[in-house]
Amino acid sequence: MDRAIRKRHEKLRESMLKHLRKGHGLYRIGHFMGIYVPLGIAIGVTLGLINSKLLYYTVAGGAVGYLIGLLVENYIMKKRSRI
């Protein structure tokens, strides 16, 4: 495919996924993991810089973010609200 067709295809695909998220409340697999893991790591880094134990809090923050993301993903799967 040439570049213009591929760009148009990606734009249409993103438009459809946005409609499914906003209009129907459907989410992709891994959507919440991608949100909560970096958030947990950011909180862990902040706490690690405050308490001068950066590595421990970063790992703990990543684990907590992963756990929260996993719980939200399971809740969404039970509601059958995933794409």
C-alpha atoms as a PDB file:
ATOM      1  CA  MET A   1       0.000   0.000   0.000  1.00  0.00           C
ATOM      2  CA  ASP A   2       1.164   3.475  -0.572  1.00  0.00           C
ATOM      3  CA  ARG A   3       1.477   5.952   2.259  1.00  0.00           C
ATOM      4  CA  ALA A   4      -1.782   7.856   1.629  1.00  0.00           C
ATOM      5  CA  ILE A   5      -3.958   4.726   1.632  1.00  0.00           C
ATOM      6  CA  ARG A   6      -2.298   3.439   4.798  1.00  0.00           C
ATOM      7  CA  LYS A   7      -2.764   6.805   6.526  1.00  0.00           C
ATOM      8  CA  ARG A   8      -6.442   6.910   5.529  1.00  0.00           C
ATOM      9  CA  HIS A   9      -6.904   3.335   6.768  1.00  0.00           C
ATOM     10  CA  GLU A  10      -5.317   4.112  10.155  1.00  0.00           C
ATOM     11  CA  LYS A  11      -7.448   7.241  10.520  1.00  0.00           C
ATOM     12  CA  LEU A  12     -10.639   5.268   9.780  1.00  0.00           C
ATOM     13  CA  ARG A  13      -9.595   2.510  12.202  1.00  0.00           C
ATOM     14  CA  GLU A  14      -8.906   4.981  15.006  1.00  0.00           C
ATOM     15  CA  SER A  15     -12.211   6.706  14.295  1.00  0.00           C
ATOM     16  CA  MET A  16     -14.088   3.416  14.633  1.00  0.00           C
ATOM     17  CA  LEU A  17     -12.286   2.497  17.864  1.00  0.00           C
ATOM     18  CA  LYS A  18     -13.007   5.945  19.298  1.00  0.00           C
ATOM     19  CA  HIS A  19     -16.688   5.495  18.453  1.00  0.00           C
ATOM     20  CA  LEU A  20     -16.762   2.096  20.182  1.00  0.00           C
ATOM     21  CA  ARG A  21     -15.098   3.544  23.305  1.00  0.00           C
ATOM     22  CA  LYS A  22     -17.212   6.669  23.597  1.00  0.00           C
ATOM     23  CA  GLY A  23     -20.504   5.536  22.120  1.00  0.00           C
ATOM     24  CA  HIS A  24     -20.718   1.975  23.417  1.00  0.00           C
ATOM     25  CA  GLY A  25     -18.292   1.845  26.358  1.00  0.00           C
ATOM     26  CA  LEU A  26     -16.118  -0.853  24.772  1.00  0.00           C
ATOM     27  CA  TYR A  27     -12.368  -0.980  25.409  1.00  0.00           C
ATOM     28  CA  ARG A  28      -9.424  -2.845  23.900  1.00  0.00           C
ATOM     29  CA  ILE A  29      -7.675  -5.597  25.810  1.00  0.00           C
ATOM     30  CA  GLY A  30      -4.839  -4.011  27.783  1.00  0.00           C
ATOM     31  CA  HIS A  31      -6.322  -0.499  27.705  1.00  0.00           C
ATOM     32  CA  PHE A  32      -6.352  -0.061  31.457  1.00  0.00           C
ATOM     33  CA  MET A  33      -3.005  -1.803  31.933  1.00  0.00           C
ATOM     34  CA  GLY A  34      -1.477   0.827  29.679  1.00  0.00           C
ATOM     35  CA  ILE A  35      -2.921   3.537  31.911  1.00  0.00           C
ATOM     36  CA  TYR A  36      -2.348   2.219  35.421  1.00  0.00           C
ATOM     37  CA  VAL A  37       1.127   0.654  35.128  1.00  0.00           C
ATOM     38  CA  PRO A  38       2.854   3.926  34.083  1.00  0.00           C
ATOM     39  CA  LEU A  39       0.781   5.792  36.668  1.00  0.00           C
ATOM     40  CA  GLY A  40       1.907   3.370  39.391  1.00  0.00           C
ATOM     41  CA  ILE A  41       5.533   3.673  38.289  1.00  0.00           C
ATOM     42  CA  ALA A  42       5.293   7.472  38.321  1.00  0.00           C
ATOM     43  CA  ILE A  43       3.877   7.428  41.844  1.00  0.00           C
ATOM     44  CA  GLY A  44       6.580   4.940  42.888  1.00  0.00           C
ATOM     45  CA  VAL A  45       9.345   7.131  41.454  1.00  0.00           C
ATOM     46  CA  THR A  46       7.939  10.157  43.262  1.00  0.00           C
ATOM     47  CA  LEU A  47       7.785   8.303  46.572  1.00  0.00           C
ATOM     48  CA  GLY A  48      11.245   6.865  45.942  1.00  0.00           C
ATOM     49  CA  LEU A  49      12.736  10.306  45.373  1.00  0.00           C
ATOM     50  CA  ILE A  50      11.119  11.587  48.544  1.00  0.00           C
ATOM     51  CA  ASN A  51      12.307   8.645  50.673  1.00  0.00           C
ATOM     52  CA  SER A  52      15.630   8.118  48.824  1.00  0.00           C
ATOM     53  CA  LYS A  53      14.826   4.490  47.993  1.00  0.00           C
ATOM     54  CA  LEU A  54      14.102   4.964  44.310  1.00  0.00           C
ATOM     55  CA  LEU A  55      14.412   1.362  43.091  1.00  0.00           C
ATOM     56  CA  TYR A  56      12.215  -0.202  45.761  1.00  0.00           C
ATOM     57  CA  TYR A  57       9.372   2.264  45.366  1.00  0.00           C
ATOM     58  CA  THR A  58       9.560   2.170  41.558  1.00  0.00           C
ATOM     59  CA  VAL A  59       9.191  -1.608  41.534  1.00  0.00           C
ATOM     60  CA  ALA A  60       6.431  -1.461  44.143  1.00  0.00           C
ATOM     61  CA  GLY A  61       4.635   1.279  42.181  1.00  0.00           C
ATOM     62  CA  GLY A  62       4.817  -0.778  38.998  1.00  0.00           C
ATOM     63  CA  ALA A  63       3.436  -3.804  40.832  1.00  0.00           C
ATOM     64  CA  VAL A  64       0.584  -1.798  42.368  1.00  0.00           C
ATOM     65  CA  GLY A  65      -0.207  -0.234  38.978  1.00  0.00           C
ATOM     66  CA  TYR A  66      -0.195  -3.681  37.382  1.00  0.00           C
ATOM     67  CA  LEU A  67      -2.539  -4.985  40.084  1.00  0.00           C
ATOM     68  CA  ILE A  68      -4.976  -2.091  39.670  1.00  0.00           C
ATOM     69  CA  GLY A  69      -4.884  -2.463  35.878  1.00  0.00           C
ATOM     70  CA  LEU A  70      -5.502  -6.187  36.183  1.00  0.00           C
ATOM     71  CA  LEU A  71      -8.475  -5.664  38.510  1.00  0.00           C
ATOM     72  CA  VAL A  72     -10.050  -3.086  36.199  1.00  0.00           C
ATOM     73  CA  GLU A  73      -9.433  -5.321  33.154  1.00  0.00           C
ATOM     74  CA  ASN A  74     -11.135  -8.253  34.884  1.00  0.00           C
ATOM     75  CA  TYR A  75     -14.090  -6.064  35.837  1.00  0.00           C
ATOM     76  CA  ILE A  76     -14.448  -4.918  32.218  1.00  0.00           C
ATOM     77  CA  MET A  77     -14.222  -8.517  30.981  1.00  0.00           C
ATOM     78  CA  LYS A  78     -16.997  -9.547  33.372  1.00  0.00           C
ATOM     79  CA  LYS A  79     -19.187  -6.746  32.020  1.00  0.00           C
ATOM     80  CA  ARG A  80     -18.313  -7.951  28.494  1.00  0.00           C
ATOM     81  CA  SER A  81     -17.351  -4.433  27.518  1.00  0.00           C
ATOM     82  CA  ARG A  82     -14.258  -5.173  25.510  1.00  0.00           C
ATOM     83  CA  ILE A  83     -13.497  -5.154  21.839  1.00  0.00           C
END
